[in-house]
N, C-alpha and C. Protein backbone atom coordinates (compact mmCIF):
# COMPACT_ATOMS: atom_id res chain seq x y z
N UNK A 1 88.97 110.08 114.26
CA UNK A 1 89.70 109.70 115.52
C UNK A 1 91.38 109.84 115.07
N UNK A 2 91.17 109.29 113.48
CA UNK A 2 92.63 109.09 113.45
C UNK A 2 92.84 109.94 113.20
N UNK A 3 92.53 111.13 112.60
CA UNK A 3 93.16 112.96 112.52
C UNK A 3 93.42 112.90 114.38
N UNK A 4 92.53 112.74 115.17
CA UNK A 4 93.26 113.44 116.72
C UNK A 4 94.20 112.35 117.17
N UNK A 5 94.32 110.88 116.64
CA UNK A 5 95.57 110.11 116.97
C UNK A 5 97.03 110.77 116.54
N UNK A 6 96.53 111.18 115.37
CA UNK A 6 97.86 111.48 114.40
C UNK A 6 98.26 113.09 115.21
N UNK A 7 97.19 114.11 115.29
CA UNK A 7 97.55 114.98 116.07
C UNK A 7 97.98 115.26 117.40
N UNK A 8 97.68 114.05 118.00
CA UNK A 8 98.62 113.80 119.75
C UNK A 8 99.80 112.81 119.28
N UNK A 9 100.24 112.79 117.98
CA UNK A 9 101.51 112.05 118.12
C UNK A 9 101.35 110.48 118.41
N UNK A 10 100.14 109.99 117.67
CA UNK A 10 100.38 108.46 118.09
C UNK A 10 100.18 107.66 116.85
N UNK A 11 100.98 107.72 116.09
CA UNK A 11 100.79 106.91 114.61
C UNK A 11 100.75 105.80 114.90
N UNK A 12 101.18 105.03 115.75
CA UNK A 12 101.11 103.68 115.96
C UNK A 12 100.09 103.48 116.12
N UNK A 13 99.30 104.29 117.25
CA UNK A 13 97.95 104.05 117.37
C UNK A 13 97.14 104.07 116.00
N UNK A 14 96.84 105.50 115.67
CA UNK A 14 96.39 105.53 114.13
C UNK A 14 96.68 104.66 113.77
N UNK A 15 97.70 103.86 112.85
CA UNK A 15 97.67 102.70 112.04
C UNK A 15 97.23 101.48 112.57
N UNK A 16 97.24 101.21 113.62
CA UNK A 16 96.29 100.19 113.84
C UNK A 16 95.01 99.83 113.66
N UNK A 17 94.21 101.63 114.12
CA UNK A 17 93.10 101.45 114.01
C UNK A 17 92.31 101.64 112.30
N UNK A 18 93.11 102.27 111.41
CA UNK A 18 93.44 101.98 110.19
C UNK A 18 93.36 100.82 109.49
N UNK A 19 94.40 99.92 110.09
CA UNK A 19 94.49 98.99 109.64
C UNK A 19 92.90 97.97 110.11
N UNK A 20 92.27 97.82 110.98
CA UNK A 20 91.42 97.55 111.64
C UNK A 20 90.01 97.79 110.83
N UNK A 21 90.37 99.26 110.39
CA UNK A 21 89.02 99.89 109.24
C UNK A 21 89.08 99.35 108.14
N UNK A 22 90.17 98.81 107.65
CA UNK A 22 90.24 98.27 106.11
C UNK A 22 89.86 96.58 106.20
N UNK A 23 89.74 96.26 107.72
CA UNK A 23 89.39 94.96 107.39
C UNK A 23 87.90 94.61 107.81
N UNK A 24 87.11 95.46 108.10
CA UNK A 24 85.85 95.82 108.39
C UNK A 24 85.32 96.07 107.03
N UNK A 25 84.55 95.90 106.67
CA UNK A 25 83.32 96.24 105.10
C UNK A 25 82.92 97.67 105.48
N UNK A 26 81.88 97.72 106.54
CA UNK A 26 81.28 98.98 106.61
C UNK A 26 81.52 100.40 107.53
N UNK A 27 83.11 100.31 107.47
CA UNK A 27 84.09 101.19 108.03
C UNK A 27 85.69 101.10 107.27
N UNK A 28 85.26 100.92 106.01
CA UNK A 28 86.63 101.02 105.16
C UNK A 28 86.76 102.50 105.13
N UNK A 29 88.65 102.70 105.30
CA UNK A 29 89.11 104.51 105.16
C UNK A 29 88.23 105.11 104.02
N UNK A 30 87.89 106.44 104.43
CA UNK A 30 87.46 107.41 102.91
C UNK A 30 89.07 107.86 102.52
N UNK A 31 89.02 108.90 101.53
CA UNK A 31 89.85 109.55 101.20
C UNK A 31 90.18 110.41 102.33
N UNK A 32 89.88 110.77 102.88
CA UNK A 32 89.94 111.86 104.14
C UNK A 32 90.68 111.42 104.74
N UNK A 33 90.54 109.70 104.95
CA UNK A 33 91.27 109.17 106.16
C UNK A 33 92.95 109.12 105.76
N UNK A 34 92.70 107.83 104.07
CA UNK A 34 94.19 108.04 103.53
C UNK A 34 94.72 109.50 103.71
N UNK A 35 94.23 110.96 103.34
CA UNK A 35 95.31 111.77 103.21
C UNK A 35 95.34 112.24 104.59
N UNK A 36 94.64 111.96 105.18
CA UNK A 36 95.34 112.87 106.89
C UNK A 36 96.55 111.71 107.35
N UNK A 37 96.48 110.29 107.15
CA UNK A 37 97.67 109.23 107.57
C UNK A 37 99.05 109.44 106.55
N UNK A 38 98.39 109.94 105.28
CA UNK A 38 99.95 110.47 104.62
C UNK A 38 100.35 111.58 105.29
N UNK A 39 99.85 112.49 105.17
CA UNK A 39 100.11 113.80 105.85
C UNK A 39 100.57 113.64 107.29
N UNK A 40 100.53 112.71 108.29
CA UNK A 40 100.99 112.74 109.55
C UNK A 40 102.26 111.77 109.59
N UNK A 41 101.91 110.87 108.27
CA UNK A 41 103.74 110.31 108.27
C UNK A 41 104.57 110.71 107.64
N UNK A 42 104.07 112.17 106.35
CA UNK A 42 105.31 112.78 105.76
C UNK A 42 106.09 113.59 107.01
N UNK A 43 104.87 114.00 107.50
CA UNK A 43 105.33 115.25 108.96
C UNK A 43 106.45 114.45 109.61
N UNK A 44 106.58 112.91 110.16
CA UNK A 44 107.14 112.27 110.96
C UNK A 44 108.28 111.58 110.34
N UNK A 45 108.25 111.84 108.95
CA UNK A 45 109.92 111.39 108.33
C UNK A 45 109.28 109.54 107.88
N UNK A 46 107.87 109.53 107.65
CA UNK A 46 107.56 108.14 107.35
C UNK A 46 107.21 108.00 106.13
N UNK A 47 108.74 108.79 105.21
CA UNK A 47 107.96 108.95 103.84
C UNK A 47 107.94 107.12 103.01
N UNK A 48 108.09 106.22 103.59
CA UNK A 48 108.17 104.80 103.10
C UNK A 48 106.48 104.43 103.13
N UNK A 49 106.22 104.83 104.69
CA UNK A 49 104.90 104.37 105.09
C UNK A 49 103.42 105.24 104.20
N UNK A 50 104.21 106.36 103.76
CA UNK A 50 102.80 106.78 102.65
C UNK A 50 103.21 106.68 101.80
N UNK A 51 104.20 106.38 101.28
CA UNK A 51 104.34 105.67 99.44
C UNK A 51 103.31 104.52 99.53
N UNK A 52 103.21 103.79 100.62
CA UNK A 52 102.56 102.26 100.68
C UNK A 52 100.51 102.87 101.04
N UNK A 53 100.97 103.59 101.49
CA UNK A 53 99.30 104.64 101.76
C UNK A 53 99.11 105.41 100.33
N UNK A 54 99.90 106.09 99.45
CA UNK A 54 99.36 106.47 98.43
C UNK A 54 99.06 105.20 97.53
N UNK A 55 100.23 104.39 97.05
CA UNK A 55 99.39 103.11 96.14
C UNK A 55 98.41 102.89 97.00
N UNK A 56 97.91 102.33 98.14
CA UNK A 56 96.90 101.60 98.33
C UNK A 56 95.35 102.42 98.17
N UNK A 57 96.07 103.80 98.20
CA UNK A 57 94.56 104.88 98.35
C UNK A 57 94.11 105.44 97.06
N UNK A 58 94.84 105.06 96.12
CA UNK A 58 95.46 105.09 94.41
C UNK A 58 94.32 103.28 93.73
N UNK A 59 94.68 103.03 94.47
CA UNK A 59 94.10 101.40 94.38
C UNK A 59 92.54 101.44 94.60
N UNK A 60 92.45 102.14 95.72
CA UNK A 60 91.01 102.75 95.71
C UNK A 60 90.37 103.44 95.22
N UNK A 61 91.02 104.27 94.23
CA UNK A 61 90.57 105.18 93.15
C UNK A 61 89.80 106.32 93.96
N UNK A 62 90.90 106.59 94.66
CA UNK A 62 91.28 107.98 96.05
C UNK A 62 91.94 108.62 95.52
N UNK A 63 92.10 109.84 95.68
CA UNK A 63 93.54 111.07 95.32
C UNK A 63 93.71 111.78 96.28
N UNK A 64 94.94 112.69 96.18
CA UNK A 64 95.67 113.50 97.00
C UNK A 64 94.92 114.87 97.06
N UNK A 65 94.54 114.91 98.45
CA UNK A 65 93.68 116.40 98.76
C UNK A 65 94.25 118.07 98.52
N UNK A 66 93.99 119.06 98.32
CA UNK A 66 94.83 119.87 98.22
C UNK A 66 95.96 119.98 99.60
N UNK A 67 95.26 119.66 100.82
CA UNK A 67 96.27 119.61 102.07
C UNK A 67 97.54 118.81 101.83
N UNK A 68 97.30 117.89 100.96
CA UNK A 68 98.03 116.71 101.26
C UNK A 68 99.70 116.82 100.13
N UNK A 69 99.00 117.57 98.65
CA UNK A 69 99.74 117.99 97.56
C UNK A 69 100.68 119.35 98.51
N UNK A 70 99.81 120.09 98.96
CA UNK A 70 100.91 121.19 99.43
C UNK A 70 102.06 120.46 100.22
N UNK A 71 101.83 120.04 101.05
CA UNK A 71 102.84 119.22 101.86
C UNK A 71 103.96 118.85 101.11
N UNK A 72 103.70 118.25 100.31
CA UNK A 72 104.01 117.80 99.65
C UNK A 72 105.20 118.79 98.35
N UNK A 73 104.61 119.68 97.88
CA UNK A 73 105.08 120.84 97.33
C UNK A 73 105.98 121.40 98.44
N UNK A 74 105.93 121.54 99.16
CA UNK A 74 106.33 122.34 99.93
C UNK A 74 107.94 121.54 100.57
N UNK A 75 107.99 120.30 100.81
CA UNK A 75 108.58 119.17 100.98
C UNK A 75 109.62 119.09 99.82
N UNK A 76 109.00 119.64 99.10
CA UNK A 76 109.72 119.50 97.53
C UNK A 76 110.99 120.56 97.50
N UNK A 77 110.18 121.34 97.50
CA UNK A 77 110.55 123.01 97.71
C UNK A 77 112.36 122.86 98.71
N UNK A 78 112.01 122.29 99.84
CA UNK A 78 112.88 122.22 100.69
C UNK A 78 113.85 121.07 100.77
N UNK A 79 113.77 120.45 99.68
CA UNK A 79 114.22 119.20 99.24
C UNK A 79 114.38 117.64 100.52
N UNK A 80 113.37 117.48 101.25
CA UNK A 80 112.96 116.37 102.00
C UNK A 80 112.12 115.36 100.83
N UNK A 81 111.80 115.52 99.73
CA UNK A 81 111.36 114.79 98.79
C UNK A 81 112.01 114.86 97.47
N UNK A 82 111.89 113.90 96.53
CA UNK A 82 112.29 113.96 95.63
C UNK A 82 111.14 114.07 94.38
N UNK A 83 110.99 114.37 93.19
CA UNK A 83 110.22 114.58 92.63
C UNK A 83 109.49 113.42 92.06
N UNK A 84 110.41 112.78 92.21
CA UNK A 84 109.23 111.42 92.17
C UNK A 84 108.02 110.95 92.63
N UNK A 85 108.55 111.30 93.84
CA UNK A 85 107.06 111.12 94.82
C UNK A 85 106.08 112.39 94.69
N UNK A 86 105.88 113.08 93.79
CA UNK A 86 105.15 113.74 93.46
C UNK A 86 104.37 113.70 92.09
N UNK A 87 105.10 112.89 91.21
CA UNK A 87 105.35 111.94 90.38
C UNK A 87 103.99 111.06 90.30
N UNK A 88 104.03 110.17 91.51
CA UNK A 88 103.44 109.13 92.31
C UNK A 88 102.23 109.74 92.45
N UNK A 89 101.53 111.66 93.41
CA UNK A 89 100.22 111.33 93.48
C UNK A 89 99.76 111.78 92.24
N UNK A 90 100.22 111.92 90.75
CA UNK A 90 99.07 112.25 89.89
C UNK A 90 98.88 110.98 89.03
């Protein structure tokens, strides 16, 4: 559902649903959910929000998937991100 909201461009709705998931133990966000939101925020110039999500994701024991890493590397290559962002993912 979060993926669909992100594809539709409804990031604020996706963020609301994500926060609601975090409040309910039985629907805690998965690694996939974090990566989906991180990519959506990076694509929409939401680097600060992406940083917060990455930090939270790491606290939960999750890591970036291949799609997220590819997006970050592409953004590094064209100057939209700096190397510190990549370091944060590792």
